[in-house]
Amino acid sequence: MNGKPNRIAHGIDLVDFARIESMLRDHGDRFRDRVFTPREQADADKRKNRIELLAGRFAAKEAVMKLIGTGWRAGVAWTDIEVTNGPLGEPQLTLKGEVKRLAEQLGFIDMALSITHTADFAIASAVALRNEDE
């Protein structure tokens, strides 16, 4: 690494539960299938607090895109980012497709995600360690 320090990249997003409820009501399966992977949908369908989980996943995807800095363009798909839970309930990221390629191109060597909720909102924070040699 030639003695260069690693750099941290950060993205954050806040989502109102009512926004997700409205999108599901107005656009149904089309919204669900475009934004959430089959696994994310199945995880939400098992939960009593389905909207809370989907809002958290939506916020996480937005936070990752802010971290990468490209927005939703140039071949990037919502489903290129999958958010699941690890064995202790911690959120975990899986990147694929164009998002994975962009993260690799940016030199991201590790990513972490945190999601929290209030009664009406979900917030997600994504952090990546970037290798400065990239």
N, C-alpha and C. Protein backbone atom coordinates (compact mmCIF):
# COMPACT_ATOMS: atom_id res chain seq x y z
N MET A 1 0.81 -1.19 0.00
CA MET A 1 0.00 0.00 0.00
C MET A 1 0.86 1.25 0.00
N ASN A 2 2.13 1.13 -0.15
CA ASN A 2 3.04 2.26 -0.29
C ASN A 2 2.91 3.29 0.82
N GLY A 3 2.49 2.88 2.00
CA GLY A 3 2.40 3.80 3.13
C GLY A 3 1.25 4.78 3.04
N LYS A 4 0.43 4.72 1.99
CA LYS A 4 -0.72 5.61 1.88
C LYS A 4 -1.83 5.11 2.80
N PRO A 5 -2.52 6.03 3.45
CA PRO A 5 -3.63 5.59 4.31
C PRO A 5 -4.83 5.18 3.47
N ASN A 6 -5.68 4.35 4.05
CA ASN A 6 -6.96 4.05 3.42
C ASN A 6 -7.90 5.21 3.68
N ARG A 7 -8.86 5.39 2.81
CA ARG A 7 -9.84 6.44 2.95
C ARG A 7 -11.20 5.83 3.24
N ILE A 8 -12.02 6.56 3.94
CA ILE A 8 -13.37 6.10 4.25
C ILE A 8 -14.36 6.84 3.37
N ALA A 9 -15.31 6.11 2.82
CA ALA A 9 -16.43 6.69 2.08
C ALA A 9 -17.69 6.44 2.90
N HIS A 10 -18.65 7.36 2.83
CA HIS A 10 -19.85 7.25 3.65
C HIS A 10 -21.08 7.65 2.85
N GLY A 11 -22.19 6.97 3.09
CA GLY A 11 -23.49 7.33 2.53
C GLY A 11 -24.55 7.13 3.59
N ILE A 12 -25.57 7.97 3.58
CA ILE A 12 -26.64 7.89 4.57
C ILE A 12 -27.96 8.23 3.91
N ASP A 13 -29.05 7.64 4.41
CA ASP A 13 -30.37 7.96 3.85
C ASP A 13 -31.45 7.74 4.91
N LEU A 14 -32.50 8.53 4.80
CA LEU A 14 -33.65 8.49 5.70
C LEU A 14 -34.89 8.25 4.85
N VAL A 15 -35.74 7.29 5.24
CA VAL A 15 -36.94 6.96 4.49
C VAL A 15 -38.15 6.97 5.42
N ASP A 16 -39.19 7.63 4.98
CA ASP A 16 -40.47 7.68 5.70
C ASP A 16 -41.26 6.40 5.35
N PHE A 17 -41.75 5.70 6.36
CA PHE A 17 -42.53 4.48 6.11
C PHE A 17 -43.70 4.76 5.16
N ALA A 18 -44.32 5.94 5.31
CA ALA A 18 -45.48 6.29 4.48
C ALA A 18 -45.10 6.31 3.00
N ARG A 19 -43.87 6.69 2.68
CA ARG A 19 -43.43 6.70 1.28
C ARG A 19 -43.41 5.28 0.70
N ILE A 20 -42.91 4.34 1.48
CA ILE A 20 -42.86 2.94 1.02
C ILE A 20 -44.27 2.38 0.90
N GLU A 21 -45.12 2.66 1.88
CA GLU A 21 -46.51 2.20 1.82
C GLU A 21 -47.21 2.76 0.58
N SER A 22 -46.97 4.01 0.28
CA SER A 22 -47.57 4.66 -0.88
C SER A 22 -47.08 4.02 -2.18
N MET A 23 -45.78 3.76 -2.28
CA MET A 23 -45.22 3.15 -3.49
C MET A 23 -45.79 1.73 -3.68
N LEU A 24 -45.92 0.99 -2.61
CA LEU A 24 -46.48 -0.36 -2.70
C LEU A 24 -47.96 -0.31 -3.09
N ARG A 25 -48.69 0.64 -2.52
CA ARG A 25 -50.10 0.78 -2.83
C ARG A 25 -50.30 1.22 -4.29
N ASP A 26 -49.51 2.20 -4.73
CA ASP A 26 -49.69 2.77 -6.07
C ASP A 26 -49.08 1.93 -7.18
N HIS A 27 -48.01 1.19 -6.88
CA HIS A 27 -47.28 0.48 -7.94
C HIS A 27 -47.15 -1.02 -7.70
N GLY A 28 -47.53 -1.50 -6.52
CA GLY A 28 -47.60 -2.92 -6.21
C GLY A 28 -46.35 -3.71 -6.54
N ASP A 29 -46.58 -4.85 -7.22
CA ASP A 29 -45.49 -5.78 -7.53
C ASP A 29 -44.43 -5.15 -8.43
N ARG A 30 -44.82 -4.22 -9.28
CA ARG A 30 -43.84 -3.59 -10.16
C ARG A 30 -42.76 -2.86 -9.34
N PHE A 31 -43.19 -2.11 -8.33
CA PHE A 31 -42.24 -1.44 -7.43
C PHE A 31 -41.44 -2.46 -6.65
N ARG A 32 -42.12 -3.41 -6.05
CA ARG A 32 -41.47 -4.44 -5.23
C ARG A 32 -40.39 -5.19 -6.01
N ASP A 33 -40.72 -5.62 -7.22
CA ASP A 33 -39.79 -6.42 -8.02
C ASP A 33 -38.63 -5.59 -8.56
N ARG A 34 -38.87 -4.31 -8.80
CA ARG A 34 -37.81 -3.45 -9.33
C ARG A 34 -36.81 -3.07 -8.24
N VAL A 35 -37.28 -2.94 -6.99
CA VAL A 35 -36.43 -2.43 -5.91
C VAL A 35 -35.86 -3.54 -5.03
N PHE A 36 -36.63 -4.57 -4.76
CA PHE A 36 -36.22 -5.59 -3.79
C PHE A 36 -35.98 -6.94 -4.45
N THR A 37 -34.90 -7.61 -4.01
CA THR A 37 -34.60 -8.95 -4.53
C THR A 37 -35.65 -9.94 -4.01
N PRO A 38 -35.77 -11.11 -4.64
CA PRO A 38 -36.69 -12.12 -4.13
C PRO A 38 -36.43 -12.47 -2.66
N ARG A 39 -35.18 -12.53 -2.26
CA ARG A 39 -34.87 -12.85 -0.85
C ARG A 39 -35.34 -11.74 0.07
N GLU A 40 -35.11 -10.48 -0.31
CA GLU A 40 -35.56 -9.35 0.52
C GLU A 40 -37.09 -9.37 0.65
N GLN A 41 -37.77 -9.67 -0.44
CA GLN A 41 -39.23 -9.74 -0.40
C GLN A 41 -39.71 -10.86 0.51
N ALA A 42 -39.07 -12.02 0.39
CA ALA A 42 -39.44 -13.16 1.24
C ALA A 42 -39.19 -12.86 2.71
N ASP A 43 -38.06 -12.23 3.00
CA ASP A 43 -37.76 -11.85 4.39
C ASP A 43 -38.84 -10.91 4.94
N ALA A 44 -39.25 -9.94 4.13
CA ALA A 44 -40.27 -8.97 4.56
C ALA A 44 -41.62 -9.65 4.76
N ASP A 45 -41.95 -10.57 3.88
CA ASP A 45 -43.25 -11.25 3.97
C ASP A 45 -43.38 -12.10 5.24
N LYS A 46 -42.26 -12.47 5.84
CA LYS A 46 -42.28 -13.27 7.07
C LYS A 46 -42.44 -12.40 8.31
N ARG A 47 -42.34 -11.09 8.15
CA ARG A 47 -42.29 -10.19 9.30
C ARG A 47 -43.62 -9.48 9.54
N LYS A 48 -43.93 -9.29 10.79
CA LYS A 48 -45.12 -8.53 11.17
C LYS A 48 -44.93 -7.06 10.79
N ASN A 49 -43.71 -6.56 10.94
CA ASN A 49 -43.39 -5.16 10.64
C ASN A 49 -42.77 -5.04 9.24
N ARG A 50 -43.47 -5.53 8.25
CA ARG A 50 -43.01 -5.62 6.87
C ARG A 50 -42.56 -4.27 6.31
N ILE A 51 -43.35 -3.23 6.50
CA ILE A 51 -43.02 -1.90 5.96
C ILE A 51 -41.74 -1.39 6.60
N GLU A 52 -41.56 -1.60 7.88
CA GLU A 52 -40.34 -1.17 8.57
C GLU A 52 -39.11 -1.83 7.94
N LEU A 53 -39.20 -3.13 7.69
CA LEU A 53 -38.07 -3.84 7.09
C LEU A 53 -37.80 -3.33 5.66
N LEU A 54 -38.85 -3.18 4.86
CA LEU A 54 -38.66 -2.70 3.49
C LEU A 54 -38.11 -1.28 3.46
N ALA A 55 -38.59 -0.42 4.35
CA ALA A 55 -38.08 0.95 4.41
C ALA A 55 -36.60 0.96 4.78
N GLY A 56 -36.21 0.10 5.71
CA GLY A 56 -34.81 0.00 6.09
C GLY A 56 -33.95 -0.47 4.94
N ARG A 57 -34.43 -1.45 4.19
CA ARG A 57 -33.70 -1.95 3.03
C ARG A 57 -33.60 -0.87 1.94
N PHE A 58 -34.69 -0.13 1.74
CA PHE A 58 -34.69 0.95 0.75
C PHE A 58 -33.66 2.01 1.14
N ALA A 59 -33.67 2.42 2.40
CA ALA A 59 -32.71 3.41 2.88
C ALA A 59 -31.28 2.90 2.72
N ALA A 60 -31.06 1.62 2.99
CA ALA A 60 -29.72 1.04 2.86
C ALA A 60 -29.24 1.10 1.41
N LYS A 61 -30.12 0.78 0.47
CA LYS A 61 -29.74 0.82 -0.94
C LYS A 61 -29.39 2.25 -1.36
N GLU A 62 -30.19 3.21 -0.91
CA GLU A 62 -29.90 4.62 -1.21
C GLU A 62 -28.56 5.03 -0.59
N ALA A 63 -28.30 4.61 0.64
CA ALA A 63 -27.04 4.95 1.30
C ALA A 63 -25.85 4.38 0.55
N VAL A 64 -25.96 3.16 0.06
CA VAL A 64 -24.87 2.55 -0.72
C VAL A 64 -24.64 3.33 -2.01
N MET A 65 -25.71 3.74 -2.66
CA MET A 65 -25.53 4.50 -3.90
C MET A 65 -24.89 5.86 -3.64
N LYS A 66 -25.21 6.47 -2.52
CA LYS A 66 -24.55 7.73 -2.15
C LYS A 66 -23.07 7.49 -1.85
N LEU A 67 -22.78 6.39 -1.22
CA LEU A 67 -21.40 6.01 -0.92
C LEU A 67 -20.60 5.83 -2.21
N ILE A 68 -21.20 5.18 -3.19
CA ILE A 68 -20.53 4.94 -4.47
C ILE A 68 -20.47 6.22 -5.29
N GLY A 69 -21.50 7.07 -5.16
CA GLY A 69 -21.47 8.38 -5.78
C GLY A 69 -21.97 8.46 -7.20
N THR A 70 -22.67 7.43 -7.68
CA THR A 70 -23.13 7.46 -9.07
C THR A 70 -24.62 7.70 -9.20
N GLY A 71 -25.39 7.44 -8.16
CA GLY A 71 -26.84 7.51 -8.29
C GLY A 71 -27.36 6.34 -9.10
N TRP A 72 -28.64 6.41 -9.44
CA TRP A 72 -29.30 5.31 -10.15
C TRP A 72 -29.23 5.55 -11.65
N ARG A 73 -28.05 5.39 -12.21
CA ARG A 73 -27.88 5.56 -13.66
C ARG A 73 -26.79 4.62 -14.16
N ALA A 74 -26.54 4.66 -15.42
CA ALA A 74 -25.44 3.91 -16.05
C ALA A 74 -25.51 2.41 -15.76
N GLY A 75 -26.71 1.83 -15.89
CA GLY A 75 -26.83 0.39 -15.76
C GLY A 75 -26.96 -0.13 -14.34
N VAL A 76 -27.06 0.77 -13.37
CA VAL A 76 -27.21 0.38 -11.97
C VAL A 76 -28.66 -0.01 -11.71
N ALA A 77 -28.86 -1.14 -11.03
CA ALA A 77 -30.20 -1.60 -10.68
C ALA A 77 -30.35 -1.66 -9.16
N TRP A 78 -31.55 -1.40 -8.68
CA TRP A 78 -31.82 -1.50 -7.24
C TRP A 78 -31.45 -2.88 -6.71
N THR A 79 -31.73 -3.89 -7.52
CA THR A 79 -31.49 -5.27 -7.07
C THR A 79 -30.02 -5.68 -7.17
N ASP A 80 -29.16 -4.76 -7.62
CA ASP A 80 -27.71 -5.00 -7.56
C ASP A 80 -27.22 -4.94 -6.12
N ILE A 81 -28.06 -4.41 -5.23
CA ILE A 81 -27.73 -4.30 -3.81
C ILE A 81 -28.76 -5.13 -3.05
N GLU A 82 -28.27 -6.13 -2.32
CA GLU A 82 -29.16 -6.95 -1.51
C GLU A 82 -28.77 -6.79 -0.05
N VAL A 83 -29.79 -6.56 0.78
CA VAL A 83 -29.58 -6.40 2.22
C VAL A 83 -30.27 -7.56 2.92
N THR A 84 -29.50 -8.31 3.68
CA THR A 84 -30.02 -9.44 4.45
C THR A 84 -29.55 -9.28 5.90
N ASN A 85 -29.92 -10.24 6.72
CA ASN A 85 -29.47 -10.22 8.11
C ASN A 85 -28.52 -11.37 8.36
N GLY A 86 -27.46 -11.08 9.11
CA GLY A 86 -26.51 -12.10 9.52
C GLY A 86 -27.07 -12.91 10.67
N PRO A 87 -26.28 -13.82 11.19
CA PRO A 87 -26.73 -14.72 12.25
C PRO A 87 -27.17 -14.03 13.53
N LEU A 88 -26.63 -12.85 13.79
CA LEU A 88 -27.00 -12.11 15.00
C LEU A 88 -28.00 -11.00 14.71
N GLY A 89 -28.53 -10.97 13.48
CA GLY A 89 -29.50 -9.95 13.09
C GLY A 89 -28.89 -8.72 12.45
N GLU A 90 -27.57 -8.67 12.37
CA GLU A 90 -26.90 -7.51 11.79
C GLU A 90 -27.13 -7.44 10.29
N PRO A 91 -27.32 -6.21 9.75
CA PRO A 91 -27.51 -6.10 8.31
C PRO A 91 -26.23 -6.42 7.56
N GLN A 92 -26.40 -7.13 6.45
CA GLN A 92 -25.26 -7.50 5.60
C GLN A 92 -25.57 -7.11 4.17
N LEU A 93 -24.52 -6.69 3.46
CA LEU A 93 -24.64 -6.27 2.07
C LEU A 93 -24.09 -7.33 1.13
N THR A 94 -24.79 -7.53 0.03
CA THR A 94 -24.27 -8.31 -1.09
C THR A 94 -24.43 -7.43 -2.32
N LEU A 95 -23.32 -7.19 -2.99
CA LEU A 95 -23.34 -6.38 -4.21
C LEU A 95 -23.16 -7.29 -5.41
N LYS A 96 -23.83 -6.95 -6.50
CA LYS A 96 -23.65 -7.70 -7.74
C LYS A 96 -23.81 -6.74 -8.91
N GLY A 97 -23.59 -7.25 -10.09
CA GLY A 97 -23.80 -6.46 -11.30
C GLY A 97 -22.96 -5.20 -11.34
N GLU A 98 -23.56 -4.14 -11.84
CA GLU A 98 -22.86 -2.87 -12.04
C GLU A 98 -22.42 -2.24 -10.72
N VAL A 99 -23.21 -2.39 -9.66
CA VAL A 99 -22.83 -1.82 -8.36
C VAL A 99 -21.55 -2.49 -7.86
N LYS A 100 -21.47 -3.79 -7.98
CA LYS A 100 -20.26 -4.50 -7.55
C LYS A 100 -19.06 -4.04 -8.37
N ARG A 101 -19.24 -3.91 -9.68
CA ARG A 101 -18.15 -3.47 -10.54
C ARG A 101 -17.68 -2.06 -10.14
N LEU A 102 -18.62 -1.17 -9.88
CA LEU A 102 -18.26 0.19 -9.48
C LEU A 102 -17.53 0.22 -8.14
N ALA A 103 -18.00 -0.58 -7.19
CA ALA A 103 -17.34 -0.64 -5.87
C ALA A 103 -15.91 -1.15 -6.03
N GLU A 104 -15.72 -2.15 -6.85
CA GLU A 104 -14.36 -2.67 -7.10
C GLU A 104 -13.50 -1.63 -7.80
N GLN A 105 -14.08 -0.94 -8.77
CA GLN A 105 -13.35 0.10 -9.50
C GLN A 105 -12.92 1.23 -8.56
N LEU A 106 -13.76 1.54 -7.58
CA LEU A 106 -13.44 2.58 -6.60
C LEU A 106 -12.42 2.11 -5.56
N GLY A 107 -12.11 0.84 -5.55
CA GLY A 107 -11.13 0.30 -4.62
C GLY A 107 -11.68 0.00 -3.24
N PHE A 108 -13.00 -0.19 -3.12
CA PHE A 108 -13.59 -0.51 -1.82
C PHE A 108 -13.10 -1.90 -1.39
N ILE A 109 -12.52 -1.97 -0.21
CA ILE A 109 -12.00 -3.24 0.27
C ILE A 109 -12.83 -3.81 1.42
N ASP A 110 -13.72 -3.00 1.99
CA ASP A 110 -14.62 -3.48 3.04
C ASP A 110 -15.77 -2.50 3.15
N MET A 111 -16.98 -3.03 3.42
CA MET A 111 -18.15 -2.19 3.57
C MET A 111 -18.91 -2.63 4.82
N ALA A 112 -19.52 -1.66 5.50
CA ALA A 112 -20.35 -1.95 6.66
C ALA A 112 -21.64 -1.15 6.55
N LEU A 113 -22.70 -1.70 7.13
CA LEU A 113 -24.02 -1.09 7.04
C LEU A 113 -24.67 -1.10 8.40
N SER A 114 -25.38 -0.02 8.71
CA SER A 114 -26.18 0.05 9.93
C SER A 114 -27.54 0.61 9.57
N ILE A 115 -28.59 0.02 10.14
CA ILE A 115 -29.96 0.46 9.90
C ILE A 115 -30.65 0.61 11.25
N THR A 116 -31.41 1.68 11.40
CA THR A 116 -32.21 1.85 12.61
C THR A 116 -33.57 2.42 12.22
N HIS A 117 -34.52 2.34 13.14
CA HIS A 117 -35.89 2.76 12.87
C HIS A 117 -36.44 3.58 14.04
N THR A 118 -37.37 4.45 13.70
CA THR A 118 -38.22 5.10 14.70
C THR A 118 -39.63 4.59 14.44
N ALA A 119 -40.62 5.23 14.99
CA ALA A 119 -42.00 4.82 14.74
C ALA A 119 -42.39 5.02 13.28
N ASP A 120 -41.80 5.99 12.59
CA ASP A 120 -42.21 6.35 11.24
C ASP A 120 -41.11 6.38 10.19
N PHE A 121 -39.87 6.22 10.60
CA PHE A 121 -38.75 6.38 9.68
C PHE A 121 -37.72 5.27 9.84
N ALA A 122 -37.01 5.02 8.75
CA ALA A 122 -35.83 4.14 8.77
C ALA A 122 -34.65 4.96 8.29
N ILE A 123 -33.52 4.77 8.92
CA ILE A 123 -32.29 5.44 8.48
C ILE A 123 -31.22 4.38 8.32
N ALA A 124 -30.41 4.55 7.28
CA ALA A 124 -29.32 3.61 7.03
C ALA A 124 -28.04 4.40 6.77
N SER A 125 -26.96 3.86 7.27
CA SER A 125 -25.64 4.44 7.07
C SER A 125 -24.73 3.35 6.51
N ALA A 126 -24.09 3.65 5.39
CA ALA A 126 -23.15 2.71 4.77
C ALA A 126 -21.76 3.33 4.77
N VAL A 127 -20.78 2.55 5.15
CA VAL A 127 -19.39 3.01 5.22
C VAL A 127 -18.53 2.01 4.45
N ALA A 128 -17.56 2.54 3.71
CA ALA A 128 -16.64 1.67 2.98
C ALA A 128 -15.22 2.14 3.23
N LEU A 129 -14.33 1.20 3.30
CA LEU A 129 -12.90 1.47 3.36
C LEU A 129 -12.38 1.36 1.95
N ARG A 130 -11.70 2.41 1.50
CA ARG A 130 -11.20 2.47 0.13
C ARG A 130 -9.68 2.38 0.16
N ASN A 131 -9.15 1.49 -0.63
CA ASN A 131 -7.71 1.36 -0.77
C ASN A 131 -7.22 2.51 -1.65
N GLU A 132 -6.37 3.35 -1.11
CA GLU A 132 -5.87 4.53 -1.85
C GLU A 132 -4.95 4.18 -2.99
N ASP A 133 -4.51 2.93 -3.04
CA ASP A 133 -3.66 2.52 -4.17
C ASP A 133 -4.47 2.30 -5.44
N GLU A 134 -5.78 2.23 -5.28
CA GLU A 134 -6.66 1.98 -6.44
C GLU A 134 -6.84 3.25 -7.23
